[in-house]
Protein backbone atom coordinates (compact mmCIF):
# COMPACT_ATOMS: atom_id res chain seq x y z
CA MET A 1 0.00 0.00 0.00
CA SER A 2 1.14 3.51 -0.76
CA ASP A 3 2.93 5.17 2.11
CA SER A 4 1.35 8.51 1.12
CA TYR A 5 -2.18 7.62 2.24
CA VAL A 6 -3.51 9.86 5.00
CA PRO A 7 -7.10 9.45 6.24
CA GLU A 8 -9.21 12.39 7.27
CA SER A 9 -9.76 10.75 10.65
CA ALA A 10 -8.60 7.71 12.58
CA MET A 11 -9.66 5.99 15.79
CA VAL A 12 -7.27 3.64 17.55
CA VAL A 13 -8.56 1.05 20.02
CA ALA A 14 -6.16 -0.38 22.59
CA ALA A 15 -6.32 -2.27 25.87
CA HIS A 16 -3.97 -0.20 28.06
CA PRO A 17 -2.19 3.15 28.28
CA ASP A 18 1.16 2.84 26.41
CA ASP A 19 -0.08 0.15 23.97
CA ILE A 20 -0.61 2.78 21.28
CA GLU A 21 2.85 4.23 21.75
CA PHE A 22 4.46 0.83 21.30
CA ALA A 23 2.35 -0.14 18.31
CA CYS A 24 1.55 2.76 16.03
CA ALA A 25 2.23 6.22 17.49
CA GLY A 26 4.69 7.04 14.70
CA THR A 27 1.93 6.59 12.13
CA LEU A 28 -0.55 8.58 14.20
CA VAL A 29 1.87 11.48 14.57
CA ARG A 30 2.45 11.46 10.82
CA TRP A 31 -1.27 11.49 10.10
CA ALA A 32 -2.01 14.15 12.72
CA ARG A 33 0.67 16.42 11.26
CA ALA A 34 -0.99 16.00 7.85
CA GLY A 35 -4.33 17.14 9.25
CA ALA A 36 -6.06 13.92 10.33
CA ARG A 37 -8.24 13.97 13.43
CA ILE A 38 -7.00 11.24 15.78
CA VAL A 39 -9.02 9.70 18.63
CA TYR A 40 -7.65 7.23 21.19
CA VAL A 41 -10.02 4.72 22.81
CA LEU A 42 -8.55 2.86 25.80
CA CYS A 43 -10.58 -0.12 26.96
CA THR A 44 -8.94 -0.11 30.40
CA SER A 45 -7.00 2.48 32.34
CA GLY A 46 -4.08 0.16 33.12
CA GLU A 47 -4.71 0.21 36.85
CA SER A 48 -3.12 -3.23 37.30
CA GLY A 49 0.03 -2.10 35.53
CA ILE A 50 1.67 -0.49 38.57
CA GLU A 51 3.00 -3.32 40.73
CA ASP A 52 3.71 -1.23 43.83
CA THR A 53 1.08 -2.45 46.31
CA ALA A 54 1.35 0.86 48.19
CA VAL A 55 -0.36 2.47 45.18
CA SER A 56 -4.11 1.85 45.15
CA ARG A 57 -5.91 0.87 41.98
CA GLU A 58 -7.67 4.24 42.01
CA GLN A 59 -4.35 6.06 42.28
CA ALA A 60 -2.86 3.87 39.55
CA MET A 61 -5.80 4.64 37.28
CA GLU A 62 -5.30 8.38 37.76
CA ILE A 63 -1.56 8.11 37.11
CA ARG A 64 -1.92 6.08 33.96
CA GLU A 65 -4.75 8.14 32.51
CA THR A 66 -2.73 11.30 33.10
CA GLU A 67 0.27 9.72 31.37
CA GLN A 68 -1.85 8.62 28.43
CA ARG A 69 -3.32 12.07 27.96
CA ALA A 70 0.19 13.55 27.97
CA ALA A 71 1.36 11.00 25.40
CA ALA A 72 -1.67 11.69 23.21
CA GLU A 73 -0.99 15.42 23.34
CA ILE A 74 2.57 14.81 22.12
CA ALA A 75 1.20 12.74 19.25
CA GLY A 76 -1.39 15.35 18.29
CA ALA A 77 -4.49 13.32 19.16
CA ALA A 78 -7.71 15.31 19.44
CA GLU A 79 -9.42 13.21 22.11
CA VAL A 80 -8.73 10.35 24.51
CA VAL A 81 -11.62 8.12 25.64
CA PHE A 82 -11.29 5.77 28.62
CA LEU A 83 -13.90 3.01 28.82
CA ARG A 84 -12.54 1.91 32.24
CA GLU A 85 -13.15 -1.78 31.78
CA PRO A 86 -11.23 -3.85 34.39
CA ASP A 87 -7.52 -4.06 33.63
CA GLY A 88 -6.28 -7.64 33.49
CA LEU A 89 -9.82 -9.01 33.19
CA LEU A 90 -10.86 -7.61 29.82
CA GLU A 91 -13.21 -9.81 27.80
CA PRO A 92 -14.64 -9.31 24.28
CA THR A 93 -18.23 -9.22 25.50
CA ILE A 94 -21.31 -7.92 23.70
CA GLY A 95 -21.27 -5.09 26.21
CA LEU A 96 -17.77 -4.02 25.19
CA ARG A 97 -18.68 -4.39 21.53
CA ARG A 98 -21.66 -2.08 22.09
CA ARG A 99 -19.46 0.51 23.79
CA LEU A 100 -16.99 0.46 20.89
CA VAL A 101 -19.79 0.68 18.32
CA ARG A 102 -20.95 3.81 20.14
CA GLU A 103 -17.47 5.35 19.79
CA VAL A 104 -17.27 4.41 16.09
CA ARG A 105 -20.67 5.96 15.43
CA ARG A 106 -19.84 9.03 17.50
CA HIS A 107 -16.48 9.78 15.88
CA ARG A 108 -17.18 8.28 12.41
CA PRO A 109 -13.52 7.53 11.64
CA GLU A 110 -12.23 6.82 8.18
CA VAL A 111 -9.74 4.32 9.64
CA VAL A 112 -9.82 2.22 12.77
CA ILE A 113 -6.52 0.85 14.12
CA CYS A 114 -6.47 -2.13 16.46
CA GLY A 115 -4.31 -5.10 17.40
CA ASP A 116 -4.21 -8.59 15.96
CA PRO A 117 -6.63 -10.82 17.91
CA THR A 118 -4.90 -13.98 16.67
CA LEU A 119 -1.46 -13.04 17.99
CA LEU A 120 -0.43 -15.14 21.00
CA TRP A 121 3.16 -16.30 20.58
CA MET A 122 5.62 -13.42 20.28
CA GLY A 123 8.98 -15.15 20.39
CA PRO A 124 10.81 -17.28 22.93
CA ALA A 125 10.38 -14.89 25.85
CA PHE A 126 7.09 -13.06 25.36
CA LEU A 127 3.36 -13.83 25.08
CA ASN A 128 0.73 -11.37 23.92
CA HIS A 129 -1.35 -10.08 26.84
CA PRO A 130 -4.91 -11.50 27.00
CA ASP A 131 -6.27 -7.95 27.33
CA HIS A 132 -4.61 -7.09 24.00
CA ARG A 133 -6.33 -10.01 22.31
CA ALA A 134 -9.67 -9.17 23.92
CA ALA A 135 -9.49 -5.51 22.88
CA ALA A 136 -8.55 -6.46 19.33
CA THR A 137 -11.39 -8.98 19.03
CA ALA A 138 -13.94 -6.53 20.40
CA ALA A 139 -12.69 -3.74 18.12
CA ILE A 140 -12.85 -5.83 14.95
CA ASP A 141 -16.30 -7.20 15.84
CA ALA A 142 -17.51 -3.65 16.53
CA VAL A 143 -16.17 -2.28 13.26
CA TRP A 144 -17.32 -5.21 11.13
CA PRO A 145 -20.15 -5.61 10.85
CA ALA A 146 -21.83 -4.09 13.92
CA ALA A 147 -21.12 -0.35 13.59
CA GLY A 148 -22.36 -0.24 10.01
CA GLN A 149 -25.60 -2.15 10.55
CA PRO A 150 -28.44 0.37 10.97
CA ASN A 151 -30.79 -2.16 12.57
CA LEU A 152 -28.27 -3.17 15.23
CA PHE A 153 -28.08 -1.10 18.44
CA ARG A 154 -30.73 1.12 16.88
CA GLU A 155 -31.38 2.77 20.24
CA MET A 156 -28.20 4.79 19.61
CA GLU A 157 -30.14 6.85 17.07
CA GLU A 158 -31.84 8.52 20.05
CA GLU A 159 -28.37 9.93 20.85
CA GLY A 160 -27.89 11.04 17.25
CA LEU A 161 -25.51 8.13 16.59
CA TYR A 162 -26.17 6.49 13.23
CA ALA A 163 -24.64 3.49 11.50
CA HIS A 164 -21.13 4.06 10.21
CA ARG A 165 -18.77 1.70 8.43
CA PRO A 166 -15.12 2.82 8.49
CA ARG A 167 -13.26 2.75 5.23
CA LYS A 168 -10.33 0.66 6.46
CA ILE A 169 -9.06 -1.33 9.41
CA TYR A 170 -5.32 -1.16 10.12
CA VAL A 171 -4.17 -4.11 12.22
CA THR A 172 -0.97 -3.73 14.23
CA GLY A 173 1.30 -6.39 15.67
CA VAL A 174 1.19 -8.63 12.62
CA MET A 175 4.27 -10.63 11.61
CA GLN A 176 6.30 -9.06 8.80
CA THR A 177 5.36 -11.93 6.48
CA GLU A 178 1.69 -11.01 6.98
CA ALA A 179 1.97 -7.22 6.76
CA ASP A 180 0.87 -5.53 3.55
CA ALA A 181 1.31 -1.84 4.45
CA TYR A 182 4.29 0.04 5.84
CA VAL A 183 4.22 3.64 7.01
CA ASP A 184 7.44 5.63 6.96
CA ILE A 185 8.02 7.06 10.45
CA GLY A 186 11.52 8.39 9.83
CA GLU A 187 10.30 11.92 10.58
CA THR A 188 8.11 10.94 13.52
CA ILE A 189 10.00 8.27 15.44
CA GLU A 190 11.39 10.81 17.91
CA ALA A 191 7.84 11.98 18.67
CA LYS A 192 6.79 8.33 19.06
CA LEU A 193 9.57 7.78 21.61
CA ALA A 194 8.77 11.04 23.40
CA ALA A 195 5.15 9.91 23.71
CA LEU A 196 6.31 6.58 25.10
CA ARG A 197 8.45 8.38 27.71
CA ALA A 198 5.30 10.12 28.96
CA HIS A 199 4.35 6.78 30.52
CA ARG A 200 6.80 7.30 33.37
CA SER A 201 5.21 4.70 35.64
CA GLN A 202 6.06 2.01 33.07
CA MET A 203 9.72 2.89 32.58
CA GLY A 204 11.06 1.15 35.69
CA ASN A 205 11.83 -2.21 34.07
CA GLY A 206 14.40 -1.05 31.57
CA ASN A 207 14.46 1.33 28.63
CA PRO A 208 12.26 0.06 25.76
CA GLU A 209 13.47 2.66 23.26
CA PRO A 210 16.27 0.54 21.74
CA LEU A 211 13.78 -2.27 21.12
CA LEU A 212 11.30 0.05 19.44
CA ARG A 213 14.04 1.48 17.23
CA LYS A 214 15.11 -2.05 16.31
CA TRP A 215 11.57 -3.05 15.34
CA ALA A 216 11.12 0.11 13.28
CA GLU A 217 14.47 -0.39 11.56
CA GLU A 218 13.59 -3.98 10.68
CA ASN A 219 10.26 -2.90 9.24
CA GLY A 220 11.85 -0.19 7.13
CA ARG A 221 15.09 -1.83 6.01
CA ALA A 222 13.81 -3.78 3.00
CA ARG A 223 11.59 -0.92 1.90
CA GLY A 224 14.11 1.89 1.69
CA MET A 225 12.94 3.53 4.91
CA ALA A 226 15.00 4.30 7.97
CA TYR A 227 12.07 3.47 10.25
CA ALA A 228 8.61 2.10 9.54
CA GLU A 229 5.52 0.69 11.25
CA SER A 230 3.80 -2.30 9.67
CA PHE A 231 0.12 -3.20 9.34
CA ARG A 232 -2.31 -5.58 7.76
CA VAL A 233 -4.99 -3.46 6.05
CA VAL A 234 -8.56 -4.49 5.30
CA THR A 235 -10.60 -2.20 3.05
CA LEU A 236 -14.24 -2.36 4.08
CA VAL A 237 -15.59 0.36 1.78
CA PRO A 238 -14.20 0.66 -1.77
CA ASP A 239 -12.72 4.03 -2.58
CA ALA A 240 -15.43 5.10 -5.05
CA ARG A 241 -18.23 4.22 -2.65
CA TRP A 242 -16.50 5.95 0.27
CA GLU A 243 -16.14 9.21 -1.65
CA ALA A 244 -19.78 9.02 -2.80
CA THR A 245 -21.35 8.28 0.60
CA LYS A 246 -19.14 9.72 3.36
CA GLY A 247 -20.93 11.97 5.76
CA ARG A 248 -24.43 10.63 5.18
CA LYS A 249 -26.46 9.41 8.12
CA GLY A 250 -26.67 5.62 8.29
CA THR A 251 -23.98 5.10 5.64
CA ALA A 252 -20.22 5.00 5.40
């Protein structure tokens, strides 16, 4: 896919604060700088992610939400939404799907970014977090087909929220052999790393920046880019139809 594509708007769904910075913040910064409206939707507030038992879950939630808002500001995001589902216990329920459909219909993004729900094994020393898989499953099920079905969750029309089918889904975390789109983040990787550093509570177990640079270098190397982020892209609405119908109630 062409690296020059920039949507008018994008919504990224993630499980925890800092997931976005690891996965796709370089792309989001690039799009925001080009004029795209970016919305972050966090399924949990990461309140289990501070292991100091002297810090209450309520305090941890406040810390991590504050960090995420700071990171989003660095990236140029317009809004951050916290669904405050339980961290560490996230499940892809119909209730979560409904909440994500509401956000899709409210923000009407051209692109939705989420994780890969099939990703479990991530090398010899790392497994994908179950919350990541749950958030990814719920996001994909919300985007396709639920958000675009006008007779599903029809009560949302009372809130002025009508069916909306995003143009594309960008899936992060896919293996390089499965990726089909690469976004050049050579000009935005420093902003990506600065956004990651905003999550100060998560920086106590070593510096992840060298690893993120390594991943970005590996993604870009064979494609003539210094740094890149990789995605699998699914086009839900063909280009001609998107241009003809965008903005109408109950349509893409």
